[in-house]
C-alpha atoms as a PDB file:
ATOM      1  CA  MET A   1       0.000   0.000   0.000  1.00  0.00           C
ATOM      2  CA  LEU A   2       2.786   2.423   0.930  1.00  0.00           C
ATOM      3  CA  LYS A   3       4.569   1.590  -2.317  1.00  0.00           C
ATOM      4  CA  ARG A   4       1.461   2.526  -4.362  1.00  0.00           C
ATOM      5  CA  VAL A   5       1.070   5.805  -2.487  1.00  0.00           C
ATOM      6  CA  LEU A   6       4.729   6.683  -3.126  1.00  0.00           C
ATOM      7  CA  ILE A   7       4.410   5.829  -6.824  1.00  0.00           C
ATOM      8  CA  ILE A   8       1.263   7.955  -7.198  1.00  0.00           C
ATOM      9  CA  PHE A   9       2.870  10.823  -5.287  1.00  0.00           C
ATOM     10  CA  GLY A  10       5.953  10.565  -7.506  1.00  0.00           C
ATOM     11  CA  LEU A  11       3.885  10.626 -10.698  1.00  0.00           C
ATOM     12  CA  ILE A  12       1.888  13.629  -9.530  1.00  0.00           C
ATOM     13  CA  SER A  13       5.124  15.431  -8.634  1.00  0.00           C
ATOM     14  CA  LEU A  14       6.552  14.724 -12.086  1.00  0.00           C
ATOM     15  CA  ILE A  15       3.411  16.092 -13.742  1.00  0.00           C
ATOM     16  CA  PHE A  16       3.676  19.342 -11.765  1.00  0.00           C
ATOM     17  CA  ILE A  17       7.391  19.688 -12.461  1.00  0.00           C
ATOM     18  CA  PHE A  18       6.810  19.094 -16.178  1.00  0.00           C
ATOM     19  CA  GLY A  19       3.980  21.648 -16.201  1.00  0.00           C
ATOM     20  CA  PHE A  20       6.146  24.382 -14.684  1.00  0.00           C
ATOM     21  CA  TRP A  21       9.032  23.500 -17.001  1.00  0.00           C
ATOM     22  CA  ALA A  22       6.773  23.611 -20.079  1.00  0.00           C
ATOM     23  CA  GLU A  23       5.353  27.001 -19.091  1.00  0.00           C
ATOM     24  CA  ASN A  24       8.868  28.415 -18.672  1.00  0.00           C
ATOM     25  CA  GLN A  25       9.895  26.978 -22.046  1.00  0.00           C
ATOM     26  CA  LEU A  26       7.015  28.809 -23.728  1.00  0.00           C
ATOM     27  CA  LYS A  27       8.325  32.079 -22.320  1.00  0.00           C
ATOM     28  CA  THR A  28      11.751  31.501 -23.895  1.00  0.00           C
ATOM     29  CA  ILE A  29      10.584  30.625 -27.426  1.00  0.00           C
ATOM     30  CA  ASP A  30      11.104  33.325 -30.038  1.00  0.00           C
ATOM     31  CA  PHE A  31       7.522  33.396 -31.293  1.00  0.00           C
ATOM     32  CA  LYS A  32       8.258  36.240 -33.716  1.00  0.00           C
ATOM     33  CA  GLU A  33      10.472  33.970 -35.790  1.00  0.00           C
ATOM     34  CA  ILE A  34       7.908  31.153 -35.805  1.00  0.00           C
ATOM     35  CA  THR A  35       4.986  33.339 -36.838  1.00  0.00           C
ATOM     36  CA  LYS A  36       6.607  35.381 -39.616  1.00  0.00           C
ATOM     37  CA  THR A  37       4.477  35.329 -42.737  1.00  0.00           C
ATOM     38  CA  ARG A  38       3.520  38.491 -44.492  1.00  0.00           C
ATOM     39  CA  THR A  39       1.169  39.096 -47.364  1.00  0.00           C
ATOM     40  CA  SER A  40       4.163  39.399 -49.645  1.00  0.00           C
ATOM     41  CA  ASP A  41       4.830  35.673 -49.036  1.00  0.00           C
ATOM     42  CA  LEU A  42       1.555  34.813 -50.743  1.00  0.00           C
ATOM     43  CA  THR A  43       1.251  34.297 -54.462  1.00  0.00           C
ATOM     44  CA  GLU A  44      -1.044  36.537 -56.476  1.00  0.00           C
ATOM     45  CA  GLU A  45      -3.233  33.538 -57.344  1.00  0.00           C
ATOM     46  CA  SER A  46      -3.962  32.791 -53.674  1.00  0.00           C
ATOM     47  CA  ARG A  47      -5.166  36.308 -52.825  1.00  0.00           C
ATOM     48  CA  GLU A  48      -8.295  38.229 -53.580  1.00  0.00           C
ATOM     49  CA  LYS A  49      -8.674  41.899 -52.736  1.00  0.00           C
ATOM     50  CA  ALA A  50     -11.968  43.171 -51.399  1.00  0.00           C
ATOM     51  CA  LYS A  51     -13.457  45.980 -49.348  1.00  0.00           C
ATOM     52  CA  VAL A  52     -15.120  45.265 -46.014  1.00  0.00           C
ATOM     53  CA  ALA A  53     -18.520  46.912 -45.759  1.00  0.00           C
ATOM     54  CA  LYS A  54     -19.598  45.602 -42.367  1.00  0.00           C
ATOM     55  CA  VAL A  55     -18.325  43.547 -39.438  1.00  0.00           C
ATOM     56  CA  ILE A  56     -20.971  41.063 -38.367  1.00  0.00           C
ATOM     57  CA  ASP A  57     -19.173  39.651 -35.312  1.00  0.00           C
ATOM     58  CA  GLY A  58     -15.719  38.646 -34.107  1.00  0.00           C
ATOM     59  CA  ASP A  59     -15.130  36.131 -36.885  1.00  0.00           C
ATOM     60  CA  THR A  60     -17.428  37.130 -39.760  1.00  0.00           C
ATOM     61  CA  ILE A  61     -17.501  40.101 -42.139  1.00  0.00           C
ATOM     62  CA  GLU A  62     -19.574  41.283 -45.074  1.00  0.00           C
ATOM     63  CA  LEU A  63     -17.864  42.614 -48.177  1.00  0.00           C
ATOM     64  CA  SER A  64     -18.984  45.571 -50.291  1.00  0.00           C
ATOM     65  CA  ASP A  65     -20.355  43.091 -52.874  1.00  0.00           C
ATOM     66  CA  LYS A  66     -22.563  41.556 -50.109  1.00  0.00           C
ATOM     67  CA  ARG A  67     -20.598  38.285 -49.840  1.00  0.00           C
ATOM     68  CA  LYS A  68     -20.053  37.098 -46.282  1.00  0.00           C
ATOM     69  CA  VAL A  69     -16.657  35.837 -45.125  1.00  0.00           C
ATOM     70  CA  ARG A  70     -16.056  33.538 -42.159  1.00  0.00           C
ATOM     71  CA  TYR A  71     -12.499  33.609 -40.811  1.00  0.00           C
ATOM     72  CA  ILE A  72     -10.783  30.212 -41.027  1.00  0.00           C
ATOM     73  CA  GLY A  73      -9.379  28.577 -37.901  1.00  0.00           C
ATOM     74  CA  ILE A  74     -10.930  30.755 -35.227  1.00  0.00           C
ATOM     75  CA  ASN A  75     -14.194  31.185 -33.354  1.00  0.00           C
ATOM     76  CA  SER A  76     -15.582  34.043 -31.289  1.00  0.00           C
ATOM     77  CA  PHE A  77     -18.676  34.277 -29.140  1.00  0.00           C
ATOM     78  CA  GLU A  78     -22.024  34.762 -30.876  1.00  0.00           C
ATOM     79  CA  MET A  79     -23.794  38.111 -30.702  1.00  0.00           C
ATOM     80  CA  ASN A  80     -27.211  36.556 -30.018  1.00  0.00           C
ATOM     81  CA  ASP A  81     -26.189  34.817 -26.771  1.00  0.00           C
ATOM     82  CA  GLU A  82     -28.454  35.897 -23.914  1.00  0.00           C
ATOM     83  CA  ARG A  83     -25.867  35.449 -21.133  1.00  0.00           C
ATOM     84  CA  LEU A  84     -24.584  38.910 -20.184  1.00  0.00           C
ATOM     85  CA  GLU A  85     -20.897  37.979 -19.874  1.00  0.00           C
ATOM     86  CA  ILE A  86     -20.913  36.129 -23.219  1.00  0.00           C
ATOM     87  CA  LYS A  87     -22.786  38.989 -24.905  1.00  0.00           C
ATOM     88  CA  CYS A  88     -20.214  41.438 -23.536  1.00  0.00           C
ATOM     89  CA  LEU A  89     -17.312  39.317 -24.841  1.00  0.00           C
ATOM     90  CA  ALA A  90     -19.018  38.961 -28.233  1.00  0.00           C
ATOM     91  CA  GLU A  91     -19.426  42.738 -28.481  1.00  0.00           C
ATOM     92  CA  LYS A  92     -15.782  43.318 -27.573  1.00  0.00           C
ATOM     93  CA  ALA A  93     -14.673  40.757 -30.180  1.00  0.00           C
ATOM     94  CA  ARG A  94     -16.813  42.467 -32.825  1.00  0.00           C
ATOM     95  CA  GLU A  95     -15.336  45.835 -31.861  1.00  0.00           C
ATOM     96  CA  ALA A  96     -11.789  44.459 -32.140  1.00  0.00           C
ATOM     97  CA  ASN A  97     -12.627  43.071 -35.580  1.00  0.00           C
ATOM     98  CA  ARG A  98     -14.173  46.419 -36.586  1.00  0.00           C
ATOM     99  CA  ASN A  99     -11.028  48.269 -35.573  1.00  0.00           C
ATOM    100  CA  LEU A 100      -8.968  45.962 -37.756  1.00  0.00           C
ATOM    101  CA  VAL A 101     -11.013  45.733 -40.973  1.00  0.00           C
ATOM    102  CA  GLU A 102     -14.239  47.738 -41.232  1.00  0.00           C
ATOM    103  CA  ASN A 103     -14.373  49.963 -44.337  1.00  0.00           C
ATOM    104  CA  LYS A 104     -10.862  48.857 -45.286  1.00  0.00           C
ATOM    105  CA  GLU A 105      -9.298  47.057 -48.226  1.00  0.00           C
ATOM    106  CA  ILE A 106      -8.308  43.486 -47.314  1.00  0.00           C
ATOM    107  CA  GLU A 107      -6.686  40.514 -48.988  1.00  0.00           C
ATOM    108  CA  MET A 108      -8.316  37.104 -48.645  1.00  0.00           C
ATOM    109  CA  GLU A 109      -6.479  33.818 -48.805  1.00  0.00           C
ATOM    110  CA  LYS A 110      -8.307  30.557 -49.481  1.00  0.00           C
ATOM    111  CA  ASP A 111      -7.169  27.308 -47.865  1.00  0.00           C
ATOM    112  CA  VAL A 112      -8.806  24.093 -49.122  1.00  0.00           C
ATOM    113  CA  SER A 113     -12.549  24.683 -48.671  1.00  0.00           C
ATOM    114  CA  ASP A 114     -14.290  27.511 -50.485  1.00  0.00           C
ATOM    115  CA  THR A 115     -17.456  27.948 -48.390  1.00  0.00           C
ATOM    116  CA  ASP A 116     -19.091  26.678 -45.217  1.00  0.00           C
ATOM    117  CA  LYS A 117     -22.551  25.099 -44.908  1.00  0.00           C
ATOM    118  CA  TYR A 118     -24.098  28.601 -44.695  1.00  0.00           C
ATOM    119  CA  GLY A 119     -22.562  29.714 -47.994  1.00  0.00           C
ATOM    120  CA  ARG A 120     -20.020  32.054 -46.402  1.00  0.00           C
ATOM    121  CA  LEU A 121     -16.565  32.231 -47.943  1.00  0.00           C
ATOM    122  CA  LEU A 122     -13.922  30.599 -45.733  1.00  0.00           C
ATOM    123  CA  ARG A 123     -10.797  32.759 -45.768  1.00  0.00           C
ATOM    124  CA  TYR A 124      -7.687  33.928 -44.001  1.00  0.00           C
ATOM    125  CA  VAL A 125      -7.910  37.713 -44.027  1.00  0.00           C
ATOM    126  CA  TRP A 126      -4.870  39.953 -44.335  1.00  0.00           C
ATOM    127  CA  ILE A 127      -4.606  43.703 -43.867  1.00  0.00           C
ATOM    128  CA  ASP A 128      -1.341  45.620 -44.163  1.00  0.00           C
ATOM    129  CA  GLY A 129       0.641  42.392 -43.746  1.00  0.00           C
ATOM    130  CA  ILE A 130      -1.246  41.341 -40.607  1.00  0.00           C
ATOM    131  CA  LEU A 131      -3.170  38.058 -40.522  1.00  0.00           C
ATOM    132  CA  VAL A 132      -6.453  39.224 -38.960  1.00  0.00           C
ATOM    133  CA  ASN A 133      -7.499  35.720 -37.882  1.00  0.00           C
ATOM    134  CA  GLU A 134      -4.267  35.426 -35.887  1.00  0.00           C
ATOM    135  CA  GLU A 135      -4.446  38.973 -34.530  1.00  0.00           C
ATOM    136  CA  LEU A 136      -7.863  38.303 -32.976  1.00  0.00           C
ATOM    137  CA  VAL A 137      -6.535  35.148 -31.277  1.00  0.00           C
ATOM    138  CA  LYS A 138      -3.355  36.957 -30.209  1.00  0.00           C
ATOM    139  CA  ASN A 139      -5.386  39.635 -28.414  1.00  0.00           C
ATOM    140  CA  GLY A 140      -7.747  37.132 -26.838  1.00  0.00           C
ATOM    141  CA  TRP A 141     -10.887  37.998 -28.855  1.00  0.00           C
ATOM    142  CA  ALA A 142     -11.188  34.616 -30.568  1.00  0.00           C
ATOM    143  CA  GLU A 143     -10.170  31.072 -29.815  1.00  0.00           C
ATOM    144  CA  VAL A 144      -8.597  28.504 -32.089  1.00  0.00           C
ATOM    145  CA  SER A 145     -11.106  26.270 -33.840  1.00  0.00           C
ATOM    146  CA  SER A 146      -9.779  23.729 -36.343  1.00  0.00           C
ATOM    147  CA  PHE A 147     -11.837  22.185 -39.106  1.00  0.00           C
ATOM    148  CA  PRO A 148      -9.635  20.059 -41.362  1.00  0.00           C
ATOM    149  CA  PRO A 149      -8.671  20.281 -44.134  1.00  0.00           C
ATOM    150  CA  ASP A 150      -8.425  24.073 -43.588  1.00  0.00           C
ATOM    151  CA  ILE A 151      -5.515  24.121 -41.136  1.00  0.00           C
ATOM    152  CA  LYS A 152      -2.678  26.013 -42.839  1.00  0.00           C
ATOM    153  CA  TYR A 153      -2.008  28.426 -39.954  1.00  0.00           C
ATOM    154  CA  GLN A 154      -3.375  26.395 -37.018  1.00  0.00           C
ATOM    155  CA  GLU A 155      -0.036  26.010 -35.235  1.00  0.00           C
ATOM    156  CA  ARG A 156       0.543  29.754 -35.397  1.00  0.00           C
ATOM    157  CA  PHE A 157      -2.937  30.331 -33.972  1.00  0.00           C
ATOM    158  CA  ARG A 158      -2.363  27.803 -31.165  1.00  0.00           C
ATOM    159  CA  ILE A 159       0.885  29.517 -30.148  1.00  0.00           C
ATOM    160  CA  GLU A 160      -0.858  32.899 -30.005  1.00  0.00           C
ATOM    161  CA  GLN A 161      -3.738  31.433 -27.996  1.00  0.00           C
ATOM    162  CA  ILE A 162      -1.330  30.021 -25.400  1.00  0.00           C
ATOM    163  CA  LYS A 163       0.306  33.442 -25.076  1.00  0.00           C
ATOM    164  CA  ALA A 164      -3.093  35.172 -24.769  1.00  0.00           C
ATOM    165  CA  LYS A 165      -4.151  32.725 -22.044  1.00  0.00           C
ATOM    166  CA  LEU A 166      -0.894  33.170 -20.140  1.00  0.00           C
ATOM    167  CA  ASN A 167      -1.413  36.951 -20.240  1.00  0.00           C
ATOM    168  CA  ASP A 168      -5.161  36.851 -19.406  1.00  0.00           C
ATOM    169  CA  LEU A 169      -6.075  38.753 -22.568  1.00  0.00           C
ATOM    170  CA  GLY A 170      -9.615  39.222 -23.890  1.00  0.00           C
ATOM    171  CA  ILE A 171     -11.835  36.207 -23.258  1.00  0.00           C
ATOM    172  CA  TRP A 172      -9.106  34.641 -21.092  1.00  0.00           C
ATOM    173  CA  GLY A 173      -9.156  37.525 -18.599  1.00  0.00           C
ATOM    174  CA  ASN A 174     -11.774  39.223 -16.442  1.00  0.00           C
ATOM    175  CA  THR A 175     -12.822  41.606 -19.177  1.00  0.00           C
ATOM    176  CA  CYS A 176     -16.582  41.382 -18.696  1.00  0.00           C
ATOM    177  CA  GLN A 177     -17.038  40.359 -15.074  1.00  0.00           C
END
């Protein structure tokens, strides 16, 4: 019995030690080098320019030609949620998205899928060399949401989400409490 208790205690200790080590390793990684990709790295064939007419929520926009675009690889809270905290976070995510893209010229990059089941275009959205999908995750206004086969930038998004969580940004902090 004592042997089992010591083994369990040892395993739990190792898990905690590994957890603290892993967290410290994340702080030492040069994330800027890992996440470097600018619009200039994209080929002309993979980009489409468009003007954003309206921001619908934290992960969806409407273009000037009335097409709707759903950002690939991320998810933000829905505007129609009745819970006050969720509604507050959804509004803040929409505002962050507005500040980035509303009434601005963007570049859209397609991954594998063209549209979702609602007919919205599925795209990575770039503005002035910034990947908007990633920027929203980085600032804590969206979370990573993978739907293969559209996963080109998922690792970049995951890294930014870990950093946002560690820094209590956006939805990971006490923003709306």
